[in-house]
Amino acid sequence: MKKILLPTDFSENSYKAIEYALKVYKNIKCTFYLLHTYNPTVYQAEYLIGSPGLIGLGDVMRETAVSRMDELKNKIETEHPNPKHTIKTHTVFNTLLNEILEMTTNEKIDLVVMGTKGASGAQEILFGSNAVSIIKRTKCPVIVVPDSFDYEAPKEILFPTDFEITYPKKEIEGLLQIVKQHQSQINILHVRTGNELDIVQKEHKKQLDQLLVNYATFHDVPDNEIIAAVNDFQLKKKINLLVMIQNKHTFFERLFMEPIIKKIGFHVNVPLMVIPQL
């Protein structure tokens, strides 16, 4: 039984992410945990010390959230009936990041699937701050679904890597579950930096090849900026899912966490699966 956590703020973007998870795992037995956190952020300090003007605010917020969560669950079960899927709901007073970190540990969550932005409609260059924080802190794979994405089965997967790290077997097997289900092709993209692979990189490449069995094709492209290489590959081949290993010592950190990304313009128009390197 696969356990998938689905954070929601009841926005259209979060529902798209939920539908993505339901469709990708349509034929796999899963328990989906719908998660909504509520928190009077503007008045948090006053609320916590019991300001008279805010007494009862938490109860009102909870009742509203629980009611909307019940409506969401009913909508999912009506629009996407599936005997292989069990839907559970969790509504709690907490920050989204803290609750996700707790639930992924306590419930032994296998995967988090979420949208890139919420009901506020804030236009982030790449991802909203919640998505970035969750990607960096969560110890299980995360799939982030762009706001503009209309569902496509993950038939063609792009996996950029520099072969500088070892690959976590359990999390790679989670990717393989998707690949086997959809008969996908994984395109391993290595951008050359001018030198041949060293002994360690060759060993890591061999390890990845063994983990991905017969589903991977390796591509070696000439010296190029990582972002430009990924963008170019997506233009040449129809990619449905982008996969990366999250590790601060590799190009992932440079690719997603530096301000330079805003200047270069990284085009994330398909879901991104980020696998932690534990």
C-alpha atoms as a PDB file:
ATOM      1  CA  MET A   1       0.000   0.000   0.000  1.00  0.00           C
ATOM      2  CA  LYS A   2       1.534   3.280  -1.112  1.00  0.00           C
ATOM      3  CA  LYS A   3       1.005   6.301   1.164  1.00  0.00           C
ATOM      4  CA  ILE A   4       0.744   9.666  -0.572  1.00  0.00           C
ATOM      5  CA  LEU A   5       0.363  13.021   1.160  1.00  0.00           C
ATOM      6  CA  LEU A   6      -1.676  15.687  -0.657  1.00  0.00           C
ATOM      7  CA  PRO A   7      -1.463  19.172   0.887  1.00  0.00           C
ATOM      8  CA  THR A   8      -4.358  21.416  -0.083  1.00  0.00           C
ATOM      9  CA  ASP A   9      -5.436  25.005   0.461  1.00  0.00           C
ATOM     10  CA  PHE A  10      -8.595  24.338  -1.602  1.00  0.00           C
ATOM     11  CA  SER A  11      -7.197  26.271  -4.571  1.00  0.00           C
ATOM     12  CA  GLU A  12      -7.514  25.155  -8.179  1.00  0.00           C
ATOM     13  CA  ASN A  13      -3.766  24.555  -8.335  1.00  0.00           C
ATOM     14  CA  SER A  14      -3.815  22.225  -5.330  1.00  0.00           C
ATOM     15  CA  TYR A  15      -6.744  20.298  -6.844  1.00  0.00           C
ATOM     16  CA  LYS A  16      -4.791  19.874 -10.082  1.00  0.00           C
ATOM     17  CA  ALA A  17      -1.971  18.330  -8.068  1.00  0.00           C
ATOM     18  CA  ILE A  18      -4.433  15.993  -6.328  1.00  0.00           C
ATOM     19  CA  GLU A  19      -5.877  14.901  -9.671  1.00  0.00           C
ATOM     20  CA  TYR A  20      -2.355  14.324 -10.994  1.00  0.00           C
ATOM     21  CA  ALA A  21      -1.598  11.934  -8.123  1.00  0.00           C
ATOM     22  CA  LEU A  22      -4.919  10.116  -8.529  1.00  0.00           C
ATOM     23  CA  LYS A  23      -4.296   9.586 -12.253  1.00  0.00           C
ATOM     24  CA  VAL A  24      -0.608   8.655 -12.060  1.00  0.00           C
ATOM     25  CA  TYR A  25      -1.390   6.026  -9.409  1.00  0.00           C
ATOM     26  CA  LYS A  26      -4.753   5.024 -10.881  1.00  0.00           C
ATOM     27  CA  ASN A  27      -3.897   1.321 -10.960  1.00  0.00           C
ATOM     28  CA  ILE A  28      -1.888   1.184  -7.753  1.00  0.00           C
ATOM     29  CA  LYS A  29      -3.345   0.523  -4.306  1.00  0.00           C
ATOM     30  CA  CYS A  30      -2.861   3.773  -2.355  1.00  0.00           C
ATOM     31  CA  THR A  31      -3.908   5.648   0.745  1.00  0.00           C
ATOM     32  CA  PHE A  32      -4.117   9.376   0.046  1.00  0.00           C
ATOM     33  CA  TYR A  33      -3.874  11.757   2.988  1.00  0.00           C
ATOM     34  CA  LEU A  34      -5.530  15.098   2.274  1.00  0.00           C
ATOM     35  CA  LEU A  35      -3.825  17.694   4.474  1.00  0.00           C
ATOM     36  CA  HIS A  36      -4.992  21.216   5.252  1.00  0.00           C
ATOM     37  CA  THR A  37      -3.297  23.417   7.817  1.00  0.00           C
ATOM     38  CA  TYR A  38      -4.822  26.605   9.151  1.00  0.00           C
ATOM     39  CA  ASN A  39      -3.045  29.342  11.024  1.00  0.00           C
ATOM     40  CA  PRO A  40      -4.062  32.974  11.665  1.00  0.00           C
ATOM     41  CA  THR A  41      -0.635  34.105  10.490  1.00  0.00           C
ATOM     42  CA  VAL A  42      -1.182  37.865  10.777  1.00  0.00           C
ATOM     43  CA  TYR A  43      -2.285  37.647  14.378  1.00  0.00           C
ATOM     44  CA  GLN A  44      -0.427  34.519  15.411  1.00  0.00           C
ATOM     45  CA  ALA A  45       1.331  36.017  18.456  1.00  0.00           C
ATOM     46  CA  GLU A  46      -1.837  37.659  19.774  1.00  0.00           C
ATOM     47  CA  TYR A  47      -3.830  34.491  19.162  1.00  0.00           C
ATOM     48  CA  LEU A  48      -1.370  32.339  21.062  1.00  0.00           C
ATOM     49  CA  ILE A  49      -1.480  34.571  24.135  1.00  0.00           C
ATOM     50  CA  GLY A  50      -5.250  34.672  24.093  1.00  0.00           C
ATOM     51  CA  SER A  51      -6.099  38.152  22.873  1.00  0.00           C
ATOM     52  CA  PRO A  52      -9.803  38.796  23.680  1.00  0.00           C
ATOM     53  CA  GLY A  53     -10.488  40.003  20.167  1.00  0.00           C
ATOM     54  CA  LEU A  54      -9.339  36.682  18.742  1.00  0.00           C
ATOM     55  CA  ILE A  55     -10.940  34.260  21.170  1.00  0.00           C
ATOM     56  CA  GLY A  56     -12.795  31.648  19.149  1.00  0.00           C
ATOM     57  CA  LEU A  57     -11.033  32.478  15.891  1.00  0.00           C
ATOM     58  CA  GLY A  58      -9.295  29.099  15.843  1.00  0.00           C
ATOM     59  CA  ASP A  59     -12.609  27.253  16.320  1.00  0.00           C
ATOM     60  CA  VAL A  60     -14.213  29.158  13.456  1.00  0.00           C
ATOM     61  CA  MET A  61     -11.227  28.476  11.202  1.00  0.00           C
ATOM     62  CA  ARG A  62     -11.258  24.800  12.101  1.00  0.00           C
ATOM     63  CA  GLU A  63     -14.988  24.398  11.453  1.00  0.00           C
ATOM     64  CA  THR A  64     -14.643  26.096   8.084  1.00  0.00           C
ATOM     65  CA  ALA A  65     -11.591  24.002   7.163  1.00  0.00           C
ATOM     66  CA  VAL A  66     -13.209  20.716   8.224  1.00  0.00           C
ATOM     67  CA  SER A  67     -16.348  21.540   6.235  1.00  0.00           C
ATOM     68  CA  ARG A  68     -14.345  22.386   3.107  1.00  0.00           C
ATOM     69  CA  MET A  69     -12.218  19.265   3.554  1.00  0.00           C
ATOM     70  CA  ASP A  70     -15.344  17.070   3.678  1.00  0.00           C
ATOM     71  CA  GLU A  71     -16.556  18.738   0.481  1.00  0.00           C
ATOM     72  CA  LEU A  72     -13.187  18.113  -1.167  1.00  0.00           C
ATOM     73  CA  LYS A  73     -13.170  14.443  -0.180  1.00  0.00           C
ATOM     74  CA  ASN A  74     -16.691  13.995  -1.556  1.00  0.00           C
ATOM     75  CA  LYS A  75     -15.694  15.735  -4.789  1.00  0.00           C
ATOM     76  CA  ILE A  76     -12.692  13.442  -5.241  1.00  0.00           C
ATOM     77  CA  GLU A  77     -14.690  10.291  -4.537  1.00  0.00           C
ATOM     78  CA  THR A  78     -17.410  11.440  -6.951  1.00  0.00           C
ATOM     79  CA  GLU A  79     -15.151  12.556  -9.797  1.00  0.00           C
ATOM     80  CA  HIS A  80     -12.453   9.892  -9.371  1.00  0.00           C
ATOM     81  CA  PRO A  81     -14.071   6.752  -7.909  1.00  0.00           C
ATOM     82  CA  ASN A  82     -11.441   4.041  -7.510  1.00  0.00           C
ATOM     83  CA  PRO A  83     -11.659   0.901  -5.328  1.00  0.00           C
ATOM     84  CA  LYS A  84      -7.862   0.845  -5.119  1.00  0.00           C
ATOM     85  CA  HIS A  85      -7.779   4.279  -3.437  1.00  0.00           C
ATOM     86  CA  THR A  86      -8.532   5.175   0.170  1.00  0.00           C
ATOM     87  CA  ILE A  87      -8.946   8.862   1.040  1.00  0.00           C
ATOM     88  CA  LYS A  88      -8.174  10.120   4.549  1.00  0.00           C
ATOM     89  CA  THR A  89      -8.402  13.717   5.738  1.00  0.00           C
ATOM     90  CA  HIS A  90      -6.309  15.649   8.232  1.00  0.00           C
ATOM     91  CA  THR A  91      -7.093  19.233   9.253  1.00  0.00           C
ATOM     92  CA  VAL A  92      -4.837  20.814  11.862  1.00  0.00           C
ATOM     93  CA  PHE A  93      -3.701  24.093  13.395  1.00  0.00           C
ATOM     94  CA  ASN A  94      -0.049  24.211  12.362  1.00  0.00           C
ATOM     95  CA  THR A  95       2.276  25.514   9.698  1.00  0.00           C
ATOM     96  CA  LEU A  96       2.231  23.515   6.482  1.00  0.00           C
ATOM     97  CA  LEU A  97       5.935  22.681   6.604  1.00  0.00           C
ATOM     98  CA  ASN A  98       5.889  21.480  10.221  1.00  0.00           C
ATOM     99  CA  GLU A  99       2.837  19.307   9.676  1.00  0.00           C
ATOM    100  CA  ILE A 100       4.270  17.748   6.524  1.00  0.00           C
ATOM    101  CA  LEU A 101       7.519  16.951   8.322  1.00  0.00           C
ATOM    102  CA  GLU A 102       5.565  15.338  11.177  1.00  0.00           C
ATOM    103  CA  MET A 103       3.208  13.371   8.953  1.00  0.00           C
ATOM    104  CA  THR A 104       5.881  12.047   6.605  1.00  0.00           C
ATOM    105  CA  THR A 105       7.589  10.559   9.666  1.00  0.00           C
ATOM    106  CA  ASN A 106       4.599   9.438  11.727  1.00  0.00           C
ATOM    107  CA  GLU A 107       2.569   8.002   8.845  1.00  0.00           C
ATOM    108  CA  LYS A 108       5.608   6.717   6.926  1.00  0.00           C
ATOM    109  CA  ILE A 109       4.576   8.686   3.841  1.00  0.00           C
ATOM    110  CA  ASP A 110       6.129   7.510   0.556  1.00  0.00           C
ATOM    111  CA  LEU A 111       5.478  10.634  -1.520  1.00  0.00           C
ATOM    112  CA  VAL A 112       4.215  14.220  -1.272  1.00  0.00           C
ATOM    113  CA  VAL A 113       2.353  15.680  -4.272  1.00  0.00           C
ATOM    114  CA  MET A 114       1.553  19.386  -4.236  1.00  0.00           C
ATOM    115  CA  GLY A 115       0.928  22.441  -6.410  1.00  0.00           C
ATOM    116  CA  THR A 116       3.402  25.232  -7.013  1.00  0.00           C
ATOM    117  CA  LYS A 117       1.264  28.017  -5.614  1.00  0.00           C
ATOM    118  CA  GLY A 118      -1.935  28.463  -3.679  1.00  0.00           C
ATOM    119  CA  ALA A 119      -5.112  30.462  -3.451  1.00  0.00           C
ATOM    120  CA  SER A 120      -3.232  33.723  -2.944  1.00  0.00           C
ATOM    121  CA  GLY A 121      -2.210  33.609  -6.606  1.00  0.00           C
ATOM    122  CA  ALA A 122       1.248  34.960  -5.823  1.00  0.00           C
ATOM    123  CA  GLN A 123       3.319  34.847  -8.978  1.00  0.00           C
ATOM    124  CA  GLU A 124       6.591  33.130  -8.083  1.00  0.00           C
ATOM    125  CA  ILE A 125       9.369  32.935 -10.646  1.00  0.00           C
ATOM    126  CA  LEU A 126       9.849  29.237  -9.967  1.00  0.00           C
ATOM    127  CA  PHE A 127       7.988  27.812  -6.992  1.00  0.00           C
ATOM    128  CA  GLY A 128       6.223  29.318  -4.001  1.00  0.00           C
ATOM    129  CA  SER A 129       8.146  29.496  -0.734  1.00  0.00           C
ATOM    130  CA  ASN A 130       6.183  26.581   0.747  1.00  0.00           C
ATOM    131  CA  ALA A 131       7.110  24.274  -2.115  1.00  0.00           C
ATOM    132  CA  VAL A 132      10.801  25.181  -1.909  1.00  0.00           C
ATOM    133  CA  SER A 133      10.911  24.690   1.871  1.00  0.00           C
ATOM    134  CA  ILE A 134       9.189  21.313   1.623  1.00  0.00           C
ATOM    135  CA  ILE A 135      11.519  20.158  -1.156  1.00  0.00           C
ATOM    136  CA  LYS A 136      14.561  21.105   0.923  1.00  0.00           C
ATOM    137  CA  ARG A 137      13.375  19.647   4.242  1.00  0.00           C
ATOM    138  CA  THR A 138      11.239  16.588   3.497  1.00  0.00           C
ATOM    139  CA  LYS A 139      12.890  13.179   3.701  1.00  0.00           C
ATOM    140  CA  CYS A 140      10.710  11.569   1.055  1.00  0.00           C
ATOM    141  CA  PRO A 141      10.198  12.300  -2.653  1.00  0.00           C
ATOM    142  CA  VAL A 142       8.094  15.335  -3.589  1.00  0.00           C
ATOM    143  CA  ILE A 143       6.250  15.931  -6.863  1.00  0.00           C
ATOM    144  CA  VAL A 144       5.429  19.581  -7.594  1.00  0.00           C
ATOM    145  CA  VAL A 145       2.768  20.177 -10.241  1.00  0.00           C
ATOM    146  CA  PRO A 146       2.875  23.534 -12.113  1.00  0.00           C
ATOM    147  CA  ASP A 147      -0.192  25.731 -12.081  1.00  0.00           C
ATOM    148  CA  SER A 148      -0.518  25.662 -15.884  1.00  0.00           C
ATOM    149  CA  PHE A 149      -0.052  21.897 -16.323  1.00  0.00           C
ATOM    150  CA  ASP A 150      -2.829  19.837 -17.896  1.00  0.00           C
ATOM    151  CA  TYR A 151      -2.492  16.143 -17.132  1.00  0.00           C
ATOM    152  CA  GLU A 152      -0.238  14.023 -19.302  1.00  0.00           C
ATOM    153  CA  ALA A 153       0.849  10.516 -18.401  1.00  0.00           C
ATOM    154  CA  PRO A 154       4.567  10.461 -17.472  1.00  0.00           C
ATOM    155  CA  LYS A 155       5.677   8.586 -20.582  1.00  0.00           C
ATOM    156  CA  GLU A 156       8.896  10.539 -21.205  1.00  0.00           C
ATOM    157  CA  ILE A 157      10.930  11.379 -18.111  1.00  0.00           C
ATOM    158  CA  LEU A 158      13.980  13.650 -18.014  1.00  0.00           C
ATOM    159  CA  PHE A 159      16.550  12.948 -15.289  1.00  0.00           C
ATOM    160  CA  PRO A 160      19.499  15.399 -15.342  1.00  0.00           C
ATOM    161  CA  THR A 161      22.460  14.324 -13.220  1.00  0.00           C
ATOM    162  CA  ASP A 162      26.180  14.937 -12.886  1.00  0.00           C
ATOM    163  CA  PHE A 163      26.914  11.420 -11.511  1.00  0.00           C
ATOM    164  CA  GLU A 164      28.542  13.045  -8.480  1.00  0.00           C
ATOM    165  CA  ILE A 165      26.291  11.311  -5.939  1.00  0.00           C
ATOM    166  CA  THR A 166      25.087   7.865  -5.003  1.00  0.00           C
ATOM    167  CA  TYR A 167      21.453   7.108  -5.797  1.00  0.00           C
ATOM    168  CA  PRO A 168      19.034   6.112  -2.998  1.00  0.00           C
ATOM    169  CA  LYS A 169      17.675   2.679  -3.918  1.00  0.00           C
ATOM    170  CA  LYS A 170      14.329   2.957  -2.107  1.00  0.00           C
ATOM    171  CA  GLU A 171      13.460   6.320  -3.671  1.00  0.00           C
ATOM    172  CA  ILE A 172      14.624   5.246  -7.127  1.00  0.00           C
ATOM    173  CA  GLU A 173      12.359   2.208  -6.783  1.00  0.00           C
ATOM    174  CA  GLY A 174       9.511   4.662  -6.149  1.00  0.00           C
ATOM    175  CA  LEU A 175      10.304   6.278  -9.491  1.00  0.00           C
ATOM    176  CA  LEU A 176      10.455   2.849 -11.115  1.00  0.00           C
ATOM    177  CA  GLN A 177       6.938   2.129  -9.873  1.00  0.00           C
ATOM    178  CA  ILE A 178       5.707   5.053 -11.974  1.00  0.00           C
ATOM    179  CA  VAL A 179       7.857   3.970 -14.920  1.00  0.00           C
ATOM    180  CA  LYS A 180       6.611   0.381 -14.904  1.00  0.00           C
ATOM    181  CA  GLN A 181       3.009   1.465 -14.502  1.00  0.00           C
ATOM    182  CA  HIS A 182       3.138   3.820 -17.494  1.00  0.00           C
ATOM    183  CA  GLN A 183       5.805   2.013 -19.550  1.00  0.00           C
ATOM    184  CA  SER A 184       7.873   5.184 -19.446  1.00  0.00           C
ATOM    185  CA  GLN A 185      11.280   5.990 -20.858  1.00  0.00           C
ATOM    186  CA  ILE A 186      13.810   7.681 -18.555  1.00  0.00           C
ATOM    187  CA  ASN A 187      16.220  10.024 -20.311  1.00  0.00           C
ATOM    188  CA  ILE A 188      19.369  10.403 -18.210  1.00  0.00           C
ATOM    189  CA  LEU A 189      20.952  13.724 -19.162  1.00  0.00           C
ATOM    190  CA  HIS A 190      24.619  14.354 -18.360  1.00  0.00           C
ATOM    191  CA  VAL A 191      26.112  17.710 -19.294  1.00  0.00           C
ATOM    192  CA  ARG A 192      29.831  17.412 -19.906  1.00  0.00           C
ATOM    193  CA  THR A 193      32.106  19.872 -18.156  1.00  0.00           C
ATOM    194  CA  GLY A 194      35.063  19.282 -20.465  1.00  0.00           C
ATOM    195  CA  ASN A 195      36.496  16.252 -18.683  1.00  0.00           C
ATOM    196  CA  GLU A 196      35.759  12.556 -18.967  1.00  0.00           C
ATOM    197  CA  LEU A 197      33.885  10.915 -16.096  1.00  0.00           C
ATOM    198  CA  ASP A 198      36.215  10.025 -13.266  1.00  0.00           C
ATOM    199  CA  ILE A 199      36.245   6.624 -11.545  1.00  0.00           C
ATOM    200  CA  VAL A 200      33.657   7.653  -8.940  1.00  0.00           C
ATOM    201  CA  GLN A 201      31.297   9.125 -11.530  1.00  0.00           C
ATOM    202  CA  LYS A 202      31.575   5.992 -13.670  1.00  0.00           C
ATOM    203  CA  GLU A 203      30.679   3.861 -10.664  1.00  0.00           C
ATOM    204  CA  HIS A 204      27.659   6.069  -9.909  1.00  0.00           C
ATOM    205  CA  LYS A 205      26.548   5.867 -13.529  1.00  0.00           C
ATOM    206  CA  LYS A 206      26.806   2.085 -13.397  1.00  0.00           C
ATOM    207  CA  GLN A 207      24.787   2.032 -10.172  1.00  0.00           C
ATOM    208  CA  LEU A 208      22.042   4.179 -11.723  1.00  0.00           C
ATOM    209  CA  ASP A 209      21.961   2.006 -14.839  1.00  0.00           C
ATOM    210  CA  GLN A 210      21.491  -1.095 -12.671  1.00  0.00           C
ATOM    211  CA  LEU A 211      18.720   0.517 -10.605  1.00  0.00           C
ATOM    212  CA  LEU A 212      16.798   1.655 -13.677  1.00  0.00           C
ATOM    213  CA  VAL A 213      17.213  -1.705 -15.435  1.00  0.00           C
ATOM    214  CA  ASN A 214      15.915  -1.492 -19.019  1.00  0.00           C
ATOM    215  CA  TYR A 215      14.035   1.792 -18.773  1.00  0.00           C
ATOM    216  CA  ALA A 216      16.891   4.299 -19.124  1.00  0.00           C
ATOM    217  CA  THR A 217      18.581   5.912 -22.101  1.00  0.00           C
ATOM    218  CA  PHE A 218      21.749   7.896 -21.401  1.00  0.00           C
ATOM    219  CA  HIS A 219      22.403  11.202 -23.141  1.00  0.00           C
ATOM    220  CA  ASP A 220      25.727  12.990 -22.994  1.00  0.00           C
ATOM    221  CA  VAL A 221      25.644  16.587 -24.225  1.00  0.00           C
ATOM    222  CA  PRO A 222      28.550  18.996 -24.823  1.00  0.00           C
ATOM    223  CA  ASP A 223      29.651  21.702 -22.417  1.00  0.00           C
ATOM    224  CA  ASN A 224      26.687  23.858 -21.619  1.00  0.00           C
ATOM    225  CA  GLU A 225      24.942  25.647 -18.806  1.00  0.00           C
ATOM    226  CA  ILE A 226      22.873  23.085 -16.888  1.00  0.00           C
ATOM    227  CA  ILE A 227      19.688  25.127 -17.172  1.00  0.00           C
ATOM    228  CA  ALA A 228      20.181  25.737 -20.886  1.00  0.00           C
ATOM    229  CA  ALA A 229      20.827  22.035 -21.470  1.00  0.00           C
ATOM    230  CA  VAL A 230      17.640  21.001 -19.660  1.00  0.00           C
ATOM    231  CA  ASN A 231      15.597  23.614 -21.498  1.00  0.00           C
ATOM    232  CA  ASP A 232      17.053  22.566 -24.865  1.00  0.00           C
ATOM    233  CA  PHE A 233      16.309  18.895 -24.221  1.00  0.00           C
ATOM    234  CA  GLN A 234      12.701  19.672 -23.327  1.00  0.00           C
ATOM    235  CA  LEU A 235      12.315  21.540 -26.625  1.00  0.00           C
ATOM    236  CA  LYS A 236      13.674  18.627 -28.658  1.00  0.00           C
ATOM    237  CA  LYS A 237      11.768  15.859 -26.881  1.00  0.00           C
ATOM    238  CA  LYS A 238       8.291  15.920 -25.375  1.00  0.00           C
ATOM    239  CA  ILE A 239       8.980  15.532 -21.648  1.00  0.00           C
ATOM    240  CA  ASN A 240       6.117  14.772 -19.229  1.00  0.00           C
ATOM    241  CA  LEU A 241       8.048  14.591 -15.948  1.00  0.00           C
ATOM    242  CA  LEU A 242      11.319  16.078 -14.723  1.00  0.00           C
ATOM    243  CA  VAL A 243      13.209  14.158 -12.000  1.00  0.00           C
ATOM    244  CA  MET A 244      16.133  15.356  -9.890  1.00  0.00           C
ATOM    245  CA  ILE A 245      18.070  14.304  -6.818  1.00  0.00           C
ATOM    246  CA  GLN A 246      18.034  16.933  -4.063  1.00  0.00           C
ATOM    247  CA  ASN A 247      21.551  17.381  -2.780  1.00  0.00           C
ATOM    248  CA  LYS A 248      23.147  20.655  -1.764  1.00  0.00           C
ATOM    249  CA  HIS A 249      26.549  19.565  -3.024  1.00  0.00           C
ATOM    250  CA  THR A 250      25.414  19.107  -6.618  1.00  0.00           C
ATOM    251  CA  PHE A 251      24.042  21.311  -9.354  1.00  0.00           C
ATOM    252  CA  PHE A 252      20.528  20.871  -7.931  1.00  0.00           C
ATOM    253  CA  GLU A 253      21.243  23.515  -5.313  1.00  0.00           C
ATOM    254  CA  ARG A 254      22.614  25.900  -7.904  1.00  0.00           C
ATOM    255  CA  LEU A 255      19.745  25.158 -10.235  1.00  0.00           C
ATOM    256  CA  PHE A 256      16.855  25.781  -7.877  1.00  0.00           C
ATOM    257  CA  MET A 257      17.956  27.754  -4.889  1.00  0.00           C
ATOM    258  CA  GLU A 258      20.056  30.606  -6.234  1.00  0.00           C
ATOM    259  CA  PRO A 259      18.659  33.997  -7.332  1.00  0.00           C
ATOM    260  CA  ILE A 260      20.399  33.565 -10.683  1.00  0.00           C
ATOM    261  CA  ILE A 261      17.518  31.276 -11.652  1.00  0.00           C
ATOM    262  CA  LYS A 262      15.281  34.308 -11.967  1.00  0.00           C
ATOM    263  CA  LYS A 263      17.607  35.845 -14.546  1.00  0.00           C
ATOM    264  CA  ILE A 264      18.190  32.718 -16.591  1.00  0.00           C
ATOM    265  CA  GLY A 265      14.557  31.665 -16.756  1.00  0.00           C
ATOM    266  CA  PHE A 266      14.230  27.963 -16.027  1.00  0.00           C
ATOM    267  CA  HIS A 267      11.117  26.685 -17.801  1.00  0.00           C
ATOM    268  CA  VAL A 268       9.332  24.270 -15.495  1.00  0.00           C
ATOM    269  CA  ASN A 269       6.116  23.499 -17.330  1.00  0.00           C
ATOM    270  CA  VAL A 270       5.840  19.843 -16.374  1.00  0.00           C
ATOM    271  CA  PRO A 271       5.697  18.192 -12.931  1.00  0.00           C
ATOM    272  CA  LEU A 272       8.995  18.012 -11.088  1.00  0.00           C
ATOM    273  CA  MET A 273       9.834  15.012  -8.899  1.00  0.00           C
ATOM    274  CA  VAL A 274      12.563  15.712  -6.369  1.00  0.00           C
ATOM    275  CA  ILE A 275      14.188  12.710  -4.696  1.00  0.00           C
ATOM    276  CA  PRO A 276      16.103  13.303  -1.458  1.00  0.00           C
ATOM    277  CA  GLN A 277      19.569  11.873  -1.111  1.00  0.00           C
ATOM    278  CA  LEU A 278      19.424  10.452   2.401  1.00  0.00           C
END
